[in-house]
Amino acid sequence: MTSLDVPDITTPIHDRHTGSLLRAMLVDPRAWAGAVAVVAVVVVTLLGPLIAPTPPGEFVARAYAAPAPGLPLGADNLGRDVLSRVLVGGGAFLVEGLIAAALGIGVGVVLGMLIGISGRRTAGFLLFLSDSVMVIPQILLVLIILAAFGANPVTLTVSVALAQIAYTARVVNAATQGVVTEDYFRAARASGAGRAGLLFREVLPNIIGVVLVEFGVRLSVCFVALASLSYLGFSSGAVSWGAMIHENQGGITLQPLAVFAPVIMIAVFLLGMNLVRDALARAVAGRSAR
């Protein structure tokens, strides 16, 4: 064995894995392109309320007025400034999507790991319940919850999060199955490590790449779901990009920018997220192949 073959025993295995993922991401142009797109939309969203030319609810022109000096994107169906509404409309959308993804992934990861280390009967029962939920289309599940509890920021976020748990649990359980057969996991279990120790010291650090990729997937799904719900009229009441599309679709031939502007913002953000996720997935696959 040469010096190049000696493993680094001073750094925990999961820390070295995380470092290798970061290095792989930093040299991937898709990751950079995606990050630039995501950051650009986030910056616009954060600064939007500060630089919006007019209050988003103020009537400034006739309905569906064409772009003009002082009105670069024209007016919407009620004569409000489209640019101002685009600048303000992303805040709630991004916050609700991030929280929904974090909740769904958090619960799904814990559930998936618990299924993975449980006995065969318990795991089979939990997987049956998970698969039963997955049979129901996500949007239908969300609509049932909203119909029961009403549409507000909390119910929108929680319902979208709940729809992600079963999918995440299934993916994480599959990854966990590859860990529980390893000698280090068996040794930890034999030494009397508790369930929490097994989950968060032995399993989670070794499936972190899968979890990050799944977070990227669920994040995109959450944003698509929220945009779709806003388009269908289930919004939190604040200005939102999805609601703008719904409100102005009838005048798309008269003032297409009222629809295309929020569509472009959502598309750029989701494209950026998908590029970052794809780069991360390739980095995880490359690490696994070594």
Protein backbone atom coordinates (compact mmCIF):
# COMPACT_ATOMS: atom_id res chain seq x y z
CA MET A 1 0.00 0.00 0.00
CA THR A 2 1.42 3.37 -0.98
CA SER A 3 0.97 6.61 0.90
CA LEU A 4 -1.73 7.53 -1.57
CA ASP A 5 -3.75 4.49 -0.49
CA VAL A 6 -3.73 5.24 3.22
CA PRO A 7 -7.19 6.39 4.32
CA ASP A 8 -7.56 9.58 6.28
CA ILE A 9 -8.45 8.31 9.75
CA THR A 10 -8.36 11.79 11.29
CA THR A 11 -11.55 12.87 9.52
CA PRO A 12 -14.90 11.11 10.08
CA ILE A 13 -16.08 9.14 7.07
CA HIS A 14 -19.24 11.19 6.62
CA ASP A 15 -17.23 14.45 6.75
CA ARG A 16 -14.94 13.19 3.97
CA HIS A 17 -18.01 12.15 1.96
CA THR A 18 -19.60 15.57 2.39
CA GLY A 19 -16.33 17.25 1.38
CA SER A 20 -16.07 15.12 -1.76
CA LEU A 21 -19.64 16.04 -2.72
CA LEU A 22 -18.91 19.74 -2.30
CA ARG A 23 -15.74 19.49 -4.38
CA ALA A 24 -17.58 17.66 -7.14
CA MET A 25 -20.31 20.30 -7.12
CA LEU A 26 -17.83 23.17 -7.29
CA VAL A 27 -16.31 21.91 -10.55
CA ASP A 28 -19.62 21.14 -12.23
CA PRO A 29 -20.78 23.97 -14.54
CA ARG A 30 -24.40 22.83 -14.22
CA ALA A 31 -24.25 23.42 -10.48
CA TRP A 32 -22.91 26.92 -11.03
CA ALA A 33 -25.52 27.74 -13.68
CA GLY A 34 -28.31 26.44 -11.47
CA ALA A 35 -27.01 28.27 -8.41
CA VAL A 36 -26.83 31.55 -10.34
CA ALA A 37 -30.43 31.15 -11.51
CA VAL A 38 -31.71 30.30 -8.01
CA VAL A 39 -29.76 33.12 -6.33
CA ALA A 40 -30.96 35.62 -8.93
CA VAL A 41 -34.59 34.80 -8.24
CA VAL A 42 -34.04 34.82 -4.47
CA VAL A 43 -32.31 38.22 -4.65
CA VAL A 44 -35.16 39.64 -6.72
CA THR A 45 -37.63 38.24 -4.20
CA LEU A 46 -35.79 39.68 -1.20
CA LEU A 47 -35.21 43.11 -2.72
CA GLY A 48 -38.50 43.25 -4.62
CA PRO A 49 -40.66 44.84 -1.92
CA LEU A 50 -37.98 47.53 -1.44
CA ILE A 51 -37.62 48.47 -5.11
CA ALA A 52 -41.19 47.98 -6.38
CA PRO A 53 -42.21 51.17 -8.21
CA THR A 54 -45.74 51.18 -6.74
CA PRO A 55 -47.69 49.30 -4.06
CA PRO A 56 -48.80 45.97 -5.60
CA GLY A 57 -52.49 46.68 -5.02
CA GLU A 58 -52.51 50.24 -6.42
CA PHE A 59 -54.45 50.90 -9.63
CA VAL A 60 -52.13 52.76 -12.00
CA ALA A 61 -53.60 52.29 -15.49
CA ARG A 62 -56.48 50.80 -17.41
CA ALA A 63 -56.91 47.04 -17.37
CA TYR A 64 -54.36 45.17 -19.50
CA ALA A 65 -52.55 48.37 -20.43
CA ALA A 66 -49.57 47.71 -22.68
CA PRO A 67 -46.02 48.41 -21.51
CA ALA A 68 -45.21 52.12 -21.49
CA PRO A 69 -42.75 54.52 -19.86
CA GLY A 70 -43.10 54.07 -16.11
CA LEU A 71 -44.95 50.81 -16.70
CA PRO A 72 -42.32 48.50 -18.21
CA LEU A 73 -44.37 45.30 -17.96
CA GLY A 74 -47.78 46.87 -18.45
CA ALA A 75 -50.82 46.47 -16.23
CA ASP A 76 -52.84 43.44 -15.15
CA ASN A 77 -56.55 42.65 -15.29
CA LEU A 78 -57.36 45.36 -12.72
CA GLY A 79 -54.87 47.97 -13.91
CA ARG A 80 -52.16 47.22 -11.36
CA ASP A 81 -48.46 47.43 -12.18
CA VAL A 82 -47.27 43.98 -13.28
CA LEU A 83 -43.63 44.71 -12.43
CA SER A 84 -44.49 45.67 -8.85
CA ARG A 85 -46.60 42.57 -8.38
CA VAL A 86 -43.86 40.32 -9.79
CA LEU A 87 -41.29 41.89 -7.46
CA VAL A 88 -43.52 41.41 -4.42
CA GLY A 89 -45.21 38.14 -5.36
CA GLY A 90 -42.35 35.71 -4.77
CA GLY A 91 -41.79 36.14 -1.03
CA ALA A 92 -44.61 34.00 0.33
CA PHE A 93 -44.15 31.53 -2.52
CA LEU A 94 -40.49 30.84 -1.71
CA VAL A 95 -40.95 30.78 2.07
CA GLU A 96 -43.91 28.39 1.92
CA GLY A 97 -42.07 26.12 -0.54
CA LEU A 98 -38.91 25.96 1.56
CA ILE A 99 -40.80 25.25 4.78
CA ALA A 100 -42.99 22.62 3.11
CA ALA A 101 -39.96 20.84 1.65
CA ALA A 102 -38.07 20.98 4.96
CA LEU A 103 -41.03 19.57 6.89
CA GLY A 104 -41.77 16.87 4.35
CA ILE A 105 -38.14 15.82 4.04
CA GLY A 106 -37.51 15.96 7.80
CA VAL A 107 -40.41 13.70 8.70
CA GLY A 108 -39.88 11.47 5.67
CA VAL A 109 -36.18 10.94 6.41
CA VAL A 110 -36.82 9.94 10.02
CA LEU A 111 -39.70 7.67 9.02
CA GLY A 112 -37.69 6.07 6.21
CA MET A 113 -34.74 5.35 8.50
CA LEU A 114 -37.05 3.92 11.17
CA ILE A 115 -38.61 1.60 8.61
CA GLY A 116 -35.15 0.57 7.44
CA ILE A 117 -33.94 -0.51 10.88
CA SER A 118 -37.24 -2.00 12.07
CA GLY A 119 -38.16 -5.66 12.06
CA ARG A 120 -39.63 -7.25 8.97
CA ARG A 121 -43.26 -7.17 10.13
CA THR A 122 -43.16 -3.59 11.38
CA ALA A 123 -41.33 -2.43 8.25
CA GLY A 124 -43.82 -4.24 6.02
CA PHE A 125 -46.77 -2.62 7.78
CA LEU A 126 -45.27 0.88 7.61
CA LEU A 127 -44.36 0.44 3.94
CA PHE A 128 -47.92 -0.68 3.25
CA LEU A 129 -49.26 2.51 4.83
CA SER A 130 -46.71 4.60 2.92
CA ASP A 131 -47.56 2.97 -0.39
CA SER A 132 -51.27 3.42 0.28
CA VAL A 133 -50.74 7.18 0.63
CA MET A 134 -48.59 7.27 -2.52
CA VAL A 135 -51.49 5.82 -4.53
CA ILE A 136 -53.42 9.07 -3.97
CA PRO A 137 -52.28 11.82 -6.39
CA GLN A 138 -50.45 14.52 -4.45
CA ILE A 139 -52.59 17.38 -5.68
CA LEU A 140 -55.76 15.48 -4.73
CA LEU A 141 -54.44 14.81 -1.23
CA VAL A 142 -53.59 18.49 -0.81
CA LEU A 143 -57.00 19.59 -2.09
CA ILE A 144 -58.76 17.26 0.37
CA ILE A 145 -56.83 18.81 3.26
CA LEU A 146 -57.52 22.35 2.05
CA ALA A 147 -61.21 21.58 1.60
CA ALA A 148 -61.36 20.39 5.21
CA PHE A 149 -59.32 23.15 6.85
CA GLY A 150 -59.40 26.06 4.39
CA ALA A 151 -56.63 27.77 2.45
CA ASN A 152 -54.24 29.88 4.51
CA PRO A 153 -50.43 30.00 4.72
CA VAL A 154 -50.30 27.30 7.42
CA THR A 155 -52.65 24.80 5.79
CA LEU A 156 -51.08 25.34 2.36
CA THR A 157 -47.60 24.69 3.70
CA VAL A 158 -48.53 21.74 5.91
CA SER A 159 -50.69 20.04 3.28
CA VAL A 160 -47.95 20.24 0.65
CA ALA A 161 -45.42 18.97 3.21
CA LEU A 162 -47.62 16.00 4.17
CA ALA A 163 -47.87 15.00 0.52
CA GLN A 164 -44.05 14.57 0.35
CA ILE A 165 -43.52 12.35 3.39
CA ALA A 166 -44.42 8.99 1.88
CA TYR A 167 -42.24 9.51 -1.20
CA THR A 168 -39.25 10.57 0.86
CA ALA A 169 -39.71 7.70 3.31
CA ARG A 170 -39.67 5.17 0.47
CA VAL A 171 -36.44 6.57 -1.00
CA VAL A 172 -34.71 6.87 2.38
CA ASN A 173 -35.78 3.37 3.40
CA ALA A 174 -34.14 1.96 0.25
CA ALA A 175 -30.91 3.82 1.07
CA THR A 176 -31.05 2.68 4.68
CA GLN A 177 -31.27 -0.95 3.60
CA GLY A 178 -27.78 -0.58 2.17
CA VAL A 179 -26.44 0.64 5.52
CA VAL A 180 -27.99 -1.89 7.90
CA THR A 181 -26.09 -4.74 6.23
CA GLU A 182 -22.70 -3.09 6.83
CA ASP A 183 -20.40 -4.35 9.57
CA TYR A 184 -20.10 -0.96 11.30
CA PHE A 185 -23.89 -0.77 11.70
CA ARG A 186 -24.09 -4.31 13.07
CA ALA A 187 -21.25 -3.56 15.46
CA ALA A 188 -23.00 -0.42 16.71
CA ARG A 189 -26.24 -2.30 17.24
CA ALA A 190 -24.45 -5.17 19.00
CA SER A 191 -22.69 -2.71 21.31
CA GLY A 192 -26.06 -1.55 22.60
CA ALA A 193 -26.43 1.74 20.72
CA GLY A 194 -29.91 3.19 21.06
CA ARG A 195 -32.25 3.75 18.16
CA ALA A 196 -31.47 7.47 18.02
CA GLY A 197 -27.74 6.72 17.93
CA LEU A 198 -28.19 4.20 15.14
CA LEU A 199 -30.28 6.63 13.11
CA PHE A 200 -28.25 9.80 13.47
CA ARG A 201 -24.71 8.49 13.96
CA GLU A 202 -24.64 5.41 11.76
CA VAL A 203 -27.37 5.73 9.12
CA LEU A 204 -27.92 9.40 8.37
CA PRO A 205 -24.25 10.41 7.78
CA ASN A 206 -23.92 7.58 5.26
CA ILE A 207 -27.05 8.41 3.26
CA ILE A 208 -26.67 12.19 3.35
CA GLY A 209 -26.05 12.34 -0.40
CA VAL A 210 -29.33 10.56 -1.10
CA VAL A 211 -31.12 12.84 1.35
CA LEU A 212 -29.76 15.97 -0.34
CA VAL A 213 -30.80 14.76 -3.78
CA GLU A 214 -34.25 13.88 -2.46
CA PHE A 215 -34.49 17.33 -0.88
CA GLY A 216 -33.84 18.87 -4.30
CA VAL A 217 -36.57 16.71 -5.82
CA ARG A 218 -39.09 17.48 -3.09
CA LEU A 219 -38.25 21.19 -3.15
CA SER A 220 -39.09 21.37 -6.85
CA VAL A 221 -42.28 19.37 -6.32
CA CYS A 222 -43.36 21.65 -3.46
CA PHE A 223 -42.90 24.79 -5.55
CA VAL A 224 -44.80 23.28 -8.48
CA ALA A 225 -47.60 22.24 -6.12
CA LEU A 226 -47.83 25.71 -4.55
CA ALA A 227 -47.84 27.40 -7.96
CA SER A 228 -50.54 25.00 -9.15
CA LEU A 229 -52.65 25.64 -6.05
CA SER A 230 -52.32 29.40 -6.48
CA TYR A 231 -53.35 29.02 -10.10
CA LEU A 232 -56.42 27.06 -8.98
CA GLY A 233 -57.32 29.86 -6.58
CA PHE A 234 -55.97 28.32 -3.35
CA SER A 235 -53.63 31.04 -2.23
CA SER A 236 -52.75 32.54 1.14
CA GLY A 237 -54.30 35.87 0.17
CA ALA A 238 -50.98 37.60 -0.50
CA VAL A 239 -49.73 38.58 -3.93
CA SER A 240 -48.28 35.45 -5.53
CA TRP A 241 -46.92 34.45 -8.91
CA GLY A 242 -49.33 31.54 -9.28
CA ALA A 243 -52.31 33.77 -8.52
CA MET A 244 -51.09 36.31 -11.10
CA ILE A 245 -51.17 33.62 -13.78
CA HIS A 246 -54.70 32.65 -12.77
CA GLU A 247 -55.96 36.23 -12.66
CA ASN A 248 -54.55 37.30 -16.02
CA GLN A 249 -54.95 34.22 -18.19
CA GLY A 250 -58.14 35.61 -19.72
CA GLY A 251 -56.25 38.57 -21.18
CA ILE A 252 -53.13 36.76 -22.34
CA THR A 253 -53.66 37.90 -25.93
CA LEU A 254 -54.12 41.51 -24.80
CA GLN A 255 -51.27 41.72 -22.28
CA PRO A 256 -49.14 38.53 -22.36
CA LEU A 257 -46.51 39.94 -19.98
CA ALA A 258 -49.02 39.83 -17.12
CA VAL A 259 -48.90 36.03 -17.45
CA PHE A 260 -45.43 35.43 -18.85
CA ALA A 261 -43.56 37.51 -16.24
CA PRO A 262 -44.53 35.32 -13.25
CA VAL A 263 -44.20 32.19 -15.41
CA ILE A 264 -40.62 33.15 -16.26
CA MET A 265 -39.74 33.76 -12.61
CA ILE A 266 -41.09 30.36 -11.57
CA ALA A 267 -39.45 28.64 -14.55
CA VAL A 268 -36.02 30.18 -13.92
CA PHE A 269 -36.14 29.20 -10.25
CA LEU A 270 -37.24 25.62 -10.96
CA LEU A 271 -34.72 25.24 -13.79
CA GLY A 272 -31.96 26.40 -11.47
CA MET A 273 -33.10 24.00 -8.75
CA ASN A 274 -33.16 21.12 -11.21
CA LEU A 275 -29.66 21.92 -12.48
CA VAL A 276 -28.28 21.98 -8.94
CA ARG A 277 -30.11 18.77 -8.09
CA ASP A 278 -28.84 17.06 -11.25
CA ALA A 279 -25.26 18.08 -10.44
CA LEU A 280 -25.67 16.78 -6.89
CA ALA A 281 -27.12 13.49 -8.14
CA ARG A 282 -24.17 13.03 -10.49
CA ALA A 283 -21.75 13.80 -7.67
CA VAL A 284 -23.44 11.22 -5.43
CA ALA A 285 -23.40 8.63 -8.23
CA GLY A 286 -19.75 9.34 -8.92
CA ARG A 287 -18.84 8.93 -5.25
CA SER A 288 -20.78 5.66 -5.07
CA ALA A 289 -19.00 4.31 -8.13
CA ARG A 290 -15.57 4.82 -6.54
